[in-house]
Amino acid sequence: GASKKLVTRIVGGKRASQGEIPYQVSLQNENDMHFCGGVIINKYYVLTAAHCVPNADTSSISVVVGTTDLQKPHSRHLVQSICIHEEYNPQILINDIALLRLQKPLKFSSRICFVNLPKQNQTVKAGSIAEVSGFGIISPEGEEAGHLYFVDNIITNQTYCRELFDTAANITIQDTQDCANDPTIQKSACVGDSSGPLTVSGLLVGLVSFGLYPNICTSTEYPAVYTRVPSYIDWINKNIEKIKIKYISARTMALRILCLLSLLAFSQAGLLPLFDPRIVNGENARLGEIPYQVSLQYTDSSFHFCGGSILNDNYVITAAHCAEAIGSFNVKVIAGTIDLSKLKSEHNVIKIIIHEKYDSHNSWINDIALLQVETPFITSKTVGHVPLPPKDFNVKANDVAIVSGWGRLWQGGPTTVRLQRVNIFIADHTYCQYIYNRINYNVYPTQICAYDSSIEKGSCHGDSGGPLTVGGKLVGLVSWANGCASSSYPTVYTNVIEYLDWITANTA
């Protein structure tokens, strides 16, 4: 008969490249052998499954971070304390969740970072594409991997999963559990490391808990069961000793950018500022075609994190959430190029002006900022000012707009080094408000929506802070979207026309 079995492997996955899943960790025993996965949620805490740490013995566990290959040298951290959910039941594996507090804080980088947490009880729809990762075994024969692999799965319908497990093994699937598999191919019947992270659009929605069958590596029929993370956000927050994790905040935002957290193009959960946008179906911009487009980069790493536009000789206009992410880092503006790999003009940022009423907790309202540069821009064929619209400029639904940027060409792919541009359409404002109100988000009169009505549903366009133009005039700044959901959810832009006085007052 069928029996419950802890899941410890990933079959047929893709190998992760360095920094692709920066929140994944390996839990190792006193012999430095990998036995479970886990996920970084802030600089002191790792989330894992309770069944991985049943004895809460900190002396026998270390946490390895920032690597995709356990054979290579890596950074190892000792555990100070373990907090297992007080209602964890090892017999039936409910409330299978635990927190590990590290002795020393992690230093975040492009390879070590935290995952985005969902809101308490945020729903994850059946049919959503989810990514699960781990250092498990990659063949049904059981060869040890040692490499980090990931695989796409589909969230299974809860009712179907309940019936399946109830009939097969008399196991009751709880509301605090989710199921996922790929019923079409055998590859992912064995899913993930024990306690490997399951993410939908970059949000952590599950931890691998258990599977079914004498050997679940042969079963596409039975999904793997996950601890449903959104059910435990309040518990996590209560137990992490006042190190608060906000849904989004300035400090975490800077790290979030460095972390390169990908938003899956199939998002059905969570709205996020477009930090990892793609320009889908775009075309290469010609040199001098968009002379006001700039790239914002961290000075040390030359890592492109946002777009912007040259306003005049001394100022760049961008989104407030981009400016906020600068934090204490040194930032430079790259102008006069369509190719980030080539020589170009660099300008250091010396002053940041964020709109005084910008609010990241209220639909990113007033998402606008100005950056003053140290050396003035010198206009040429490839460097120019973006034309601002007059106050009475009328932007109507279905107007053709152009958005540009060095976004990603596909989910998880590299940032393109060639500037991309794409034609999209202004969305009807009432429709945009209506569709976002249905998922409890406001769209304000100071915002403007645009979408791609082509078949490429799920495309996110442009770089955060990058320009949206109509008739050659700057009308919008890329702000946020429903996690690259679909063509039915437009991208939301800051409506520049509403801020002309503010711009004048702050650049005088």
Protein backbone atom coordinates (compact mmCIF):
# COMPACT_ATOMS: atom_id res chain seq x y z
CA GLY A 1 0.00 0.00 0.00
CA ALA A 2 0.92 3.63 -0.25
CA SER A 3 2.88 5.13 2.58
CA LYS A 4 3.89 8.64 3.45
CA LYS A 5 7.46 9.45 2.61
CA LEU A 6 9.57 12.52 3.17
CA VAL A 7 10.49 14.15 -0.08
CA THR A 8 14.21 14.60 -0.56
CA ARG A 9 14.84 14.94 -4.25
CA ILE A 10 14.45 16.90 -7.44
CA VAL A 11 14.18 14.96 -10.65
CA GLY A 12 14.68 16.34 -14.13
CA GLY A 13 15.20 19.89 -12.98
CA LYS A 14 17.32 22.63 -14.49
CA ARG A 15 20.62 23.54 -12.89
CA ALA A 16 20.50 26.92 -11.16
CA SER A 17 23.17 29.45 -12.03
CA GLN A 18 24.98 31.45 -9.33
CA GLY A 19 22.68 34.02 -7.74
CA GLU A 20 19.56 32.72 -9.46
CA ILE A 21 17.98 31.44 -6.21
CA PRO A 22 19.89 33.53 -3.64
CA TYR A 23 17.54 32.64 -0.76
CA GLN A 24 18.09 28.85 -0.98
CA VAL A 25 20.22 27.30 1.79
CA SER A 26 21.52 23.84 2.60
CA LEU A 27 21.10 22.50 6.15
CA GLN A 28 24.02 20.22 7.01
CA ASN A 29 24.81 17.83 9.86
CA GLU A 30 27.96 17.60 11.97
CA ASN A 31 29.65 15.68 9.11
CA ASP A 32 28.88 18.55 6.73
CA MET A 33 26.39 16.38 4.84
CA HIS A 34 23.35 18.05 3.28
CA PHE A 35 20.06 16.77 4.72
CA CYS A 36 17.42 19.47 4.10
CA GLY A 37 16.77 22.74 2.32
CA GLY A 38 15.69 26.04 3.82
CA VAL A 39 15.09 29.63 2.85
CA ILE A 40 16.52 32.98 4.01
CA ILE A 41 13.80 35.36 5.24
CA ASN A 42 16.05 38.07 6.72
CA LYS A 43 19.67 38.53 7.80
CA TYR A 44 19.23 36.47 10.99
CA TYR A 45 16.54 33.91 10.13
CA VAL A 46 16.11 30.83 7.95
CA LEU A 47 12.74 29.16 7.49
CA THR A 48 12.64 25.37 7.18
CA ALA A 49 10.37 22.38 7.81
CA ALA A 50 9.95 21.23 11.42
CA HIS A 51 10.58 17.61 10.35
CA CYS A 52 14.13 18.67 9.36
CA VAL A 53 14.97 19.75 12.93
CA PRO A 54 12.90 17.43 15.15
CA ASN A 55 15.23 17.59 18.17
CA ALA A 56 15.89 21.34 17.95
CA ASP A 57 19.56 20.54 18.52
CA THR A 58 21.55 23.57 17.38
CA SER A 59 24.96 21.95 17.87
CA SER A 60 24.48 19.41 15.09
CA ILE A 61 23.32 21.84 12.39
CA SER A 62 25.02 24.39 10.18
CA VAL A 63 23.53 26.49 7.38
CA VAL A 64 25.36 26.83 4.06
CA VAL A 65 24.44 29.92 2.01
CA GLY A 66 25.34 31.61 -1.28
CA THR A 67 26.25 28.61 -3.40
CA THR A 68 24.77 26.43 -6.12
CA ASP A 69 27.46 23.76 -5.77
CA LEU A 70 28.05 22.08 -2.42
CA GLN A 71 31.39 20.65 -3.66
CA LYS A 72 32.91 24.14 -3.85
CA PRO A 73 34.03 26.29 -0.88
CA HIS A 74 31.11 28.16 0.64
CA SER A 75 29.95 30.25 3.54
CA ARG A 76 28.81 28.27 6.61
CA HIS A 77 26.79 29.70 9.51
CA LEU A 78 26.14 28.29 12.97
CA VAL A 79 22.65 28.22 14.47
CA GLN A 80 21.92 30.06 17.71
CA SER A 81 18.37 28.84 18.34
CA ILE A 82 15.58 26.82 16.74
CA CYS A 83 11.89 27.62 17.05
CA ILE A 84 9.55 24.76 16.03
CA HIS A 85 5.84 25.49 15.58
CA GLU A 86 4.17 24.75 18.90
CA GLU A 87 1.42 22.71 17.19
CA TYR A 88 3.70 20.68 14.92
CA ASN A 89 2.52 17.09 14.71
CA PRO A 90 5.26 14.73 13.43
CA GLN A 91 2.83 11.83 12.92
CA ILE A 92 0.65 13.62 10.38
CA LEU A 93 3.11 16.41 9.48
CA ILE A 94 0.84 19.38 10.11
CA ASN A 95 2.29 22.80 11.04
CA ASP A 96 5.53 21.46 9.58
CA ILE A 97 7.46 24.71 9.94
CA ALA A 98 10.41 25.99 11.98
CA LEU A 99 12.68 29.02 12.28
CA LEU A 100 16.45 28.91 12.69
CA ARG A 101 18.16 31.97 14.16
CA LEU A 102 21.76 32.32 13.01
CA GLN A 103 24.57 33.28 15.39
CA LYS A 104 25.89 35.99 13.06
CA PRO A 105 23.91 38.08 10.54
CA LEU A 106 24.19 37.25 6.85
CA LYS A 107 25.90 39.74 4.52
CA PHE A 108 23.59 40.15 1.55
CA SER A 109 24.96 40.13 -2.00
CA SER A 110 23.83 39.00 -5.43
CA ARG A 111 24.30 35.40 -4.19
CA ILE A 112 22.87 35.68 -0.67
CA CYS A 113 19.49 37.25 -0.15
CA PHE A 114 16.07 36.83 1.37
CA VAL A 115 12.91 35.66 -0.33
CA ASN A 116 9.80 37.82 -0.62
CA LEU A 117 7.18 36.72 1.91
CA PRO A 118 3.48 36.82 1.02
CA LYS A 119 0.83 38.47 3.17
CA GLN A 120 -0.95 36.45 5.88
CA ASN A 121 -3.46 34.10 4.19
CA GLN A 122 -2.67 35.41 0.71
CA THR A 123 -4.31 32.99 -1.71
CA VAL A 124 -2.42 30.93 -4.23
CA LYS A 125 -4.63 29.88 -7.11
CA ALA A 126 -4.72 26.33 -8.41
CA GLY A 127 -3.04 26.20 -11.79
CA SER A 128 -0.39 28.76 -10.82
CA ILE A 129 3.09 27.92 -12.03
CA ALA A 130 5.40 27.47 -9.07
CA GLU A 131 9.13 26.91 -8.87
CA VAL A 132 10.64 24.47 -6.40
CA SER A 133 14.36 24.12 -5.79
CA GLY A 134 16.82 22.01 -3.86
CA PHE A 135 20.15 20.19 -3.66
CA GLY A 136 18.40 16.79 -3.68
CA ILE A 137 19.00 13.80 -5.90
CA ILE A 138 18.31 14.25 -9.58
CA SER A 139 17.75 10.78 -10.95
CA PRO A 140 15.21 8.16 -9.84
CA GLU A 141 18.24 5.88 -9.41
CA GLY A 142 19.38 8.23 -6.68
CA GLU A 143 22.64 9.81 -7.76
CA GLU A 144 23.58 12.56 -5.33
CA ALA A 145 23.39 15.98 -6.91
CA GLY A 146 25.26 18.47 -4.76
CA HIS A 147 24.16 21.06 -7.30
CA LEU A 148 21.18 23.34 -6.86
CA TYR A 149 18.36 22.41 -9.23
CA PHE A 150 14.93 23.92 -9.79
CA VAL A 151 11.83 22.74 -11.57
CA ASP A 152 8.46 24.26 -12.48
CA ASN A 153 5.36 22.70 -10.97
CA ILE A 154 1.67 23.47 -11.02
CA ILE A 155 -0.33 24.18 -7.86
CA THR A 156 -2.91 21.39 -7.64
CA ASN A 157 -6.59 21.95 -6.94
CA GLN A 158 -7.05 21.57 -3.17
CA THR A 159 -10.28 19.52 -3.36
CA TYR A 160 -8.75 17.11 -5.85
CA CYS A 161 -5.64 16.74 -3.72
CA ARG A 162 -7.72 16.10 -0.58
CA GLU A 163 -9.73 13.35 -2.26
CA LEU A 164 -6.61 11.74 -3.69
CA PHE A 165 -4.79 11.54 -0.34
CA ASP A 166 -7.90 10.62 1.59
CA THR A 167 -8.64 7.67 -0.70
CA ALA A 168 -5.06 6.49 -1.15
CA ALA A 169 -3.68 6.78 2.34
CA ASN A 170 -6.38 8.06 4.66
CA ILE A 171 -4.41 11.31 5.03
CA THR A 172 -6.32 14.54 5.54
CA ILE A 173 -4.82 17.52 3.71
CA GLN A 174 -5.30 20.63 5.87
CA ASP A 175 -6.08 24.23 4.91
CA THR A 176 -2.50 25.02 5.93
CA GLN A 177 -1.15 22.72 3.22
CA ASP A 178 -0.91 22.97 -0.56
CA CYS A 179 -0.16 20.39 -3.22
CA ALA A 180 1.86 20.78 -6.41
CA ASN A 181 3.19 18.57 -9.17
CA ASP A 182 3.42 18.30 -12.90
CA PRO A 183 0.90 15.60 -13.81
CA THR A 184 2.06 15.48 -17.43
CA ILE A 185 5.66 14.42 -17.04
CA GLN A 186 7.47 12.21 -14.62
CA LYS A 187 10.28 14.73 -14.14
CA SER A 188 8.85 16.48 -11.12
CA ALA A 189 7.07 13.66 -9.42
CA CYS A 190 9.89 13.84 -6.93
CA VAL A 191 9.88 17.42 -5.98
CA GLY A 192 12.45 19.39 -4.18
CA ASP A 193 14.52 18.86 -1.16
CA SER A 194 12.75 18.24 2.04
CA SER A 195 11.85 21.79 3.03
CA GLY A 196 12.84 23.23 -0.33
CA PRO A 197 11.16 26.55 -1.18
CA LEU A 198 8.15 26.72 -3.49
CA THR A 199 7.71 30.19 -5.02
CA VAL A 200 5.09 31.79 -7.23
CA SER A 201 6.21 35.06 -8.88
CA GLY A 202 9.08 35.40 -6.46
CA LEU A 203 6.85 35.03 -3.39
CA LEU A 204 7.50 32.13 -1.01
CA VAL A 205 4.25 30.13 -0.90
CA GLY A 206 5.38 26.72 0.35
CA LEU A 207 8.01 24.44 1.91
CA VAL A 208 8.25 20.83 0.72
CA SER A 209 6.73 18.65 3.46
CA PHE A 210 6.00 15.10 2.23
CA GLY A 211 5.02 12.91 -0.67
CA LEU A 212 3.26 9.63 -1.08
CA TYR A 213 4.10 6.18 -2.41
CA PRO A 214 6.72 3.55 -1.76
CA ASN A 215 8.89 5.59 -4.09
CA ILE A 216 7.37 8.90 -5.06
CA CYS A 217 10.00 9.28 -7.76
CA THR A 218 7.85 7.04 -9.92
CA SER A 219 4.55 8.76 -9.32
CA THR A 220 3.08 11.58 -11.38
CA GLU A 221 -0.29 10.77 -9.88
CA TYR A 222 0.39 11.97 -6.36
CA PRO A 223 1.45 15.58 -5.90
CA ALA A 224 3.93 16.56 -3.22
CA VAL A 225 2.46 18.26 -0.16
CA TYR A 226 3.77 21.63 0.99
CA THR A 227 3.39 23.63 4.17
CA ARG A 228 1.42 26.67 3.03
CA VAL A 229 3.58 29.64 4.05
CA PRO A 230 0.86 32.35 3.79
CA SER A 231 -0.94 30.61 6.68
CA TYR A 232 2.07 31.23 8.93
CA ILE A 233 3.14 34.84 8.27
CA ASP A 234 1.71 36.03 11.60
CA TRP A 235 3.47 33.15 13.38
CA ILE A 236 6.77 34.01 11.64
CA ASN A 237 6.50 37.70 12.51
CA LYS A 238 5.66 36.89 16.13
CA ASN A 239 8.68 34.63 16.48
CA ILE A 240 11.43 36.61 14.84
CA GLU A 241 12.22 38.81 17.80
CA LYS A 242 11.14 42.17 16.50
CA ILE A 243 13.17 41.95 13.30
CA LYS A 244 10.15 43.11 11.37
CA ILE A 245 9.64 42.10 7.79
CA LYS A 246 7.47 44.66 6.06
CA TYR A 247 5.76 43.71 2.83
CA ILE A 248 7.99 46.28 1.22
CA SER A 249 10.25 48.90 2.78
CA ALA A 250 13.14 51.11 1.83
CA ARG A 251 15.96 49.09 3.35
CA THR A 252 14.68 45.78 2.14
CA MET A 253 14.07 47.29 -1.26
CA ALA A 254 17.73 48.07 -1.83
CA LEU A 255 18.59 44.51 -0.95
CA ARG A 256 15.74 43.19 -3.00
CA ILE A 257 17.24 44.79 -6.07
CA LEU A 258 20.68 43.44 -5.34
CA CYS A 259 19.09 40.06 -4.89
CA LEU A 260 17.75 40.04 -8.41
CA LEU A 261 14.62 38.31 -7.27
CA SER A 262 12.77 37.20 -10.35
CA LEU A 263 9.08 37.73 -10.73
CA LEU A 264 7.59 34.84 -12.62
CA ALA A 265 5.73 35.95 -15.69
CA PHE A 266 2.88 33.72 -14.58
CA SER A 267 2.18 35.61 -11.39
CA GLN A 268 -1.16 35.15 -9.80
CA ALA A 269 -0.15 36.37 -6.40
CA GLY A 270 1.25 39.59 -5.06
CA LEU A 271 1.84 43.00 -6.49
CA LEU A 272 5.37 44.28 -6.65
CA PRO A 273 7.13 47.30 -8.00
CA LEU A 274 8.64 46.38 -11.33
CA PHE A 275 12.16 45.70 -10.17
CA ASP A 276 12.70 42.75 -12.41
CA PRO A 277 10.67 43.67 -15.42
CA ARG A 278 11.02 42.28 -18.88
CA ILE A 279 10.59 43.95 -22.18
CA VAL A 280 8.74 41.23 -24.03
CA ASN A 281 8.26 41.39 -27.79
CA GLY A 282 10.35 44.55 -27.82
CA GLU A 283 12.81 45.58 -30.47
CA ASN A 284 16.31 47.00 -30.21
CA ALA A 285 16.27 50.80 -30.00
CA ARG A 286 18.47 52.62 -32.50
CA LEU A 287 21.31 54.84 -31.26
CA GLY A 288 19.93 58.34 -30.65
CA GLU A 289 16.30 57.20 -30.92
CA ILE A 290 15.67 57.61 -27.17
CA PRO A 291 18.50 59.99 -26.22
CA TYR A 292 17.01 60.78 -22.79
CA GLN A 293 16.94 57.15 -21.58
CA VAL A 294 19.45 56.40 -18.81
CA SER A 295 20.49 53.40 -16.76
CA LEU A 296 20.81 53.72 -12.97
CA GLN A 297 23.64 51.53 -11.68
CA TYR A 298 25.35 50.80 -8.38
CA THR A 299 28.82 52.34 -8.70
CA ASP A 300 30.68 49.38 -7.17
CA SER A 301 29.09 46.58 -9.17
CA SER A 302 27.86 48.44 -12.28
CA PHE A 303 24.64 46.51 -11.68
CA HIS A 304 21.75 48.08 -13.62
CA PHE A 305 18.74 48.32 -11.28
CA CYS A 306 16.39 50.94 -12.73
CA GLY A 307 15.77 53.21 -15.68
CA GLY A 308 15.25 56.96 -15.80
CA SER A 309 15.10 59.94 -18.14
CA ILE A 310 17.27 63.05 -18.53
CA LEU A 311 15.13 66.03 -17.55
CA ASN A 312 17.70 68.79 -18.07
CA ASP A 313 21.49 69.22 -17.82
CA ASN A 314 21.54 68.47 -14.09
CA TYR A 315 18.59 66.21 -13.29
CA VAL A 316 17.24 62.74 -14.01
CA ILE A 317 13.62 61.79 -13.36
CA THR A 318 12.82 58.27 -12.10
CA ALA A 319 10.48 56.38 -9.74
CA ALA A 320 10.61 57.04 -5.98
CA HIS A 321 10.92 53.30 -5.32
CA CYS A 322 14.14 53.35 -7.39
CA ALA A 323 15.52 56.37 -5.53
CA GLU A 324 14.57 54.79 -2.20
CA ALA A 325 16.50 51.68 -3.16
CA ILE A 326 19.69 53.71 -3.48
CA GLY A 327 19.91 53.89 0.32
CA SER A 328 23.51 54.51 1.29
CA PHE A 329 24.93 52.97 -1.89
CA ASN A 330 26.86 55.08 -4.39
CA VAL A 331 24.96 55.30 -7.65
CA LYS A 332 25.86 56.46 -11.15
CA VAL A 333 23.77 57.44 -14.16
CA ILE A 334 24.77 55.98 -17.53
CA ALA A 335 23.74 58.15 -20.50
CA GLY A 336 24.24 58.30 -24.24
CA THR A 337 24.22 54.61 -25.06
CA ILE A 338 21.92 51.84 -26.19
CA ASP A 339 24.46 49.16 -25.30
CA LEU A 340 25.48 48.81 -21.65
CA SER A 341 28.57 46.80 -22.57
CA LYS A 342 30.08 49.71 -24.54
CA LEU A 343 31.79 52.92 -23.45
CA LYS A 344 29.41 55.66 -22.38
CA SER A 345 29.16 58.78 -20.25
CA GLU A 346 28.93 58.23 -16.48
CA HIS A 347 27.58 60.75 -13.96
CA ASN A 348 27.65 60.37 -10.18
CA VAL A 349 24.44 61.07 -8.27
CA ILE A 350 24.96 63.74 -5.59
CA LYS A 351 21.41 64.50 -4.47
CA ILE A 352 18.17 62.52 -4.28
CA ILE A 353 14.74 64.19 -4.07
CA ILE A 354 11.88 61.78 -3.34
CA HIS A 355 8.29 63.05 -3.42
CA GLU A 356 7.37 63.94 0.15
CA LYS A 357 4.04 62.07 -0.10
CA TYR A 358 5.36 58.90 -1.72
CA ASP A 359 3.76 55.89 -0.01
CA SER A 360 4.83 52.34 -0.84
CA HIS A 361 2.00 50.96 1.32
CA ASN A 362 -0.71 52.72 -0.66
CA SER A 363 -0.40 51.61 -4.29
CA TRP A 364 3.02 53.30 -4.54
CA ILE A 365 1.25 56.67 -4.82
CA ASN A 366 3.47 59.66 -5.79
CA ASP A 367 6.13 57.25 -7.10
CA ILE A 368 8.38 59.99 -8.50
CA ALA A 369 11.89 61.22 -7.71
CA LEU A 370 14.67 63.42 -9.06
CA LEU A 371 18.39 62.67 -9.05
CA GLN A 372 20.90 65.49 -9.34
CA VAL A 373 24.17 64.60 -11.10
CA GLU A 374 27.63 65.91 -10.28
CA THR A 375 28.75 66.70 -13.83
CA PRO A 376 26.13 68.15 -16.21
CA PHE A 377 24.90 66.18 -19.22
CA ILE A 378 26.23 67.51 -22.51
CA THR A 379 23.61 67.28 -25.23
CA SER A 380 24.58 65.52 -28.44
CA LYS A 381 23.01 63.15 -30.97
CA THR A 382 22.90 60.46 -28.29
CA VAL A 383 22.22 62.54 -25.14
CA GLY A 384 19.13 64.72 -24.91
CA HIS A 385 16.41 66.03 -22.60
CA VAL A 386 13.04 64.31 -22.48
CA PRO A 387 10.25 66.66 -23.64
CA LEU A 388 7.67 67.26 -20.87
CA PRO A 389 4.01 67.59 -21.86
CA PRO A 390 2.05 70.83 -21.33
CA LYS A 391 -0.41 70.79 -18.38
CA ASP A 392 -3.41 70.44 -20.69
CA PHE A 393 -1.90 67.47 -22.56
CA ASN A 394 -4.69 64.96 -23.08
CA VAL A 395 -3.78 61.28 -22.85
CA LYS A 396 -6.69 59.08 -23.97
CA ALA A 397 -7.44 55.37 -23.78
CA ASN A 398 -5.95 53.44 -26.74
CA ASP A 399 -3.31 56.12 -27.46
CA VAL A 400 -0.12 54.43 -28.66
CA ALA A 401 2.67 54.79 -26.10
CA ILE A 402 6.32 53.76 -26.15
CA VAL A 403 8.06 52.23 -23.14
CA SER A 404 11.76 51.48 -23.12
CA GLY A 405 14.42 49.96 -20.93
CA TRP A 406 17.06 47.34 -20.38
CA GLY A 407 14.56 44.94 -18.79
CA ARG A 408 14.91 41.19 -18.87
CA LEU A 409 13.93 39.50 -22.09
CA TRP A 410 12.44 36.52 -20.29
CA GLN A 411 11.88 35.37 -16.75
CA GLY A 412 15.15 34.76 -14.99
CA GLY A 413 17.10 35.61 -18.12
CA PRO A 414 19.97 38.07 -18.16
CA THR A 415 19.29 41.77 -18.30
CA THR A 416 19.60 42.69 -21.94
CA VAL A 417 22.60 44.92 -22.69
CA ARG A 418 20.78 46.42 -25.68
CA LEU A 419 18.11 49.04 -25.03
CA GLN A 420 14.67 47.71 -25.93
CA ARG A 421 11.55 49.65 -26.90
CA VAL A 422 8.01 48.45 -27.40
CA ASN A 423 4.69 49.99 -28.44
CA ILE A 424 1.85 49.56 -25.96
CA PHE A 425 -1.54 51.21 -25.45
CA ILE A 426 -2.92 53.54 -22.80
CA ALA A 427 -5.62 51.68 -20.85
CA ASP A 428 -9.00 53.09 -19.93
CA HIS A 429 -8.54 54.55 -16.43
CA THR A 430 -11.91 53.38 -15.11
CA TYR A 431 -11.22 49.84 -16.31
CA CYS A 432 -7.78 49.90 -14.70
CA GLN A 433 -9.24 51.08 -11.38
CA TYR A 434 -11.96 48.44 -11.57
CA ILE A 435 -9.65 45.51 -12.28
CA TYR A 436 -7.24 46.45 -9.47
CA ASN A 437 -10.04 47.25 -7.01
CA ARG A 438 -11.17 43.64 -7.41
CA ILE A 439 -7.88 42.54 -5.84
CA ASN A 440 -7.97 45.32 -3.23
CA TYR A 441 -5.55 47.79 -4.80
CA ASN A 442 -6.27 51.42 -5.61
CA VAL A 443 -5.32 53.16 -8.81
CA TYR A 444 -5.26 56.94 -8.33
CA PRO A 445 -5.87 59.86 -10.71
CA THR A 446 -2.13 60.61 -10.38
CA GLN A 447 -1.45 57.24 -12.03
CA ILE A 448 -1.85 56.14 -15.62
CA CYS A 449 -2.21 52.57 -16.92
CA ALA A 450 -0.94 50.99 -20.11
CA TYR A 451 -0.88 47.47 -21.44
CA ASP A 452 0.04 45.33 -24.37
CA SER A 453 -3.11 44.05 -25.97
CA SER A 454 -1.16 41.60 -28.09
CA ILE A 455 -1.40 37.88 -27.43
CA GLU A 456 1.75 38.01 -25.30
CA LYS A 457 -0.22 38.02 -22.11
CA GLY A 458 1.86 38.28 -18.99
CA SER A 459 4.43 40.64 -20.40
CA CYS A 460 5.84 43.25 -18.07
CA HIS A 461 7.41 46.14 -19.82
CA GLY A 462 10.18 48.57 -19.20
CA ASP A 463 12.56 49.21 -16.41
CA SER A 464 11.30 50.55 -13.12
CA GLY A 465 11.45 54.34 -13.29
CA GLY A 466 11.83 54.23 -17.06
CA PRO A 467 9.92 56.47 -19.50
CA LEU A 468 6.47 56.00 -21.02
CA THR A 469 5.97 58.49 -23.84
CA VAL A 470 2.98 59.50 -25.95
CA GLY A 471 3.58 61.65 -29.01
CA GLY A 472 7.22 62.06 -27.97
CA LYS A 473 6.26 63.58 -24.56
CA LEU A 474 7.03 61.97 -21.17
CA VAL A 475 3.67 60.99 -19.67
CA GLY A 476 4.58 58.12 -17.33
CA LEU A 477 7.23 56.49 -15.13
CA VAL A 478 7.16 52.68 -14.80
CA SER A 479 5.84 52.02 -11.27
CA TRP A 480 4.14 48.69 -10.50
CA ALA A 481 1.96 45.88 -11.80
CA ASN A 482 0.19 42.76 -10.72
CA GLY A 483 3.36 40.66 -10.73
CA CYS A 484 3.44 40.43 -14.54
CA ALA A 485 0.11 38.70 -14.47
CA SER A 486 -1.62 38.93 -17.80
CA SER A 487 -2.82 41.26 -20.48
CA SER A 488 -5.91 41.85 -18.36
CA TYR A 489 -3.80 43.63 -15.72
CA PRO A 490 -2.20 46.79 -17.13
CA THR A 491 1.08 48.11 -15.79
CA VAL A 492 0.63 51.19 -13.59
CA TYR A 493 2.75 54.30 -14.24
CA THR A 494 3.16 57.55 -12.34
CA ASN A 495 1.27 60.18 -14.38
CA VAL A 496 3.95 62.83 -15.01
CA ILE A 497 1.38 65.47 -16.12
CA GLU A 498 0.10 65.60 -12.51
CA TYR A 499 3.58 66.50 -11.21
CA LEU A 500 4.73 69.29 -13.56
CA ASP A 501 4.61 71.93 -10.79
CA TRP A 502 6.45 69.65 -8.39
CA ILE A 503 9.17 69.02 -11.00
CA THR A 504 9.60 72.74 -11.69
CA ALA A 505 9.71 73.61 -7.97
CA ASN A 506 12.37 70.98 -7.25
CA THR A 507 14.67 71.59 -10.19
CA ALA A 508 14.68 75.40 -9.97
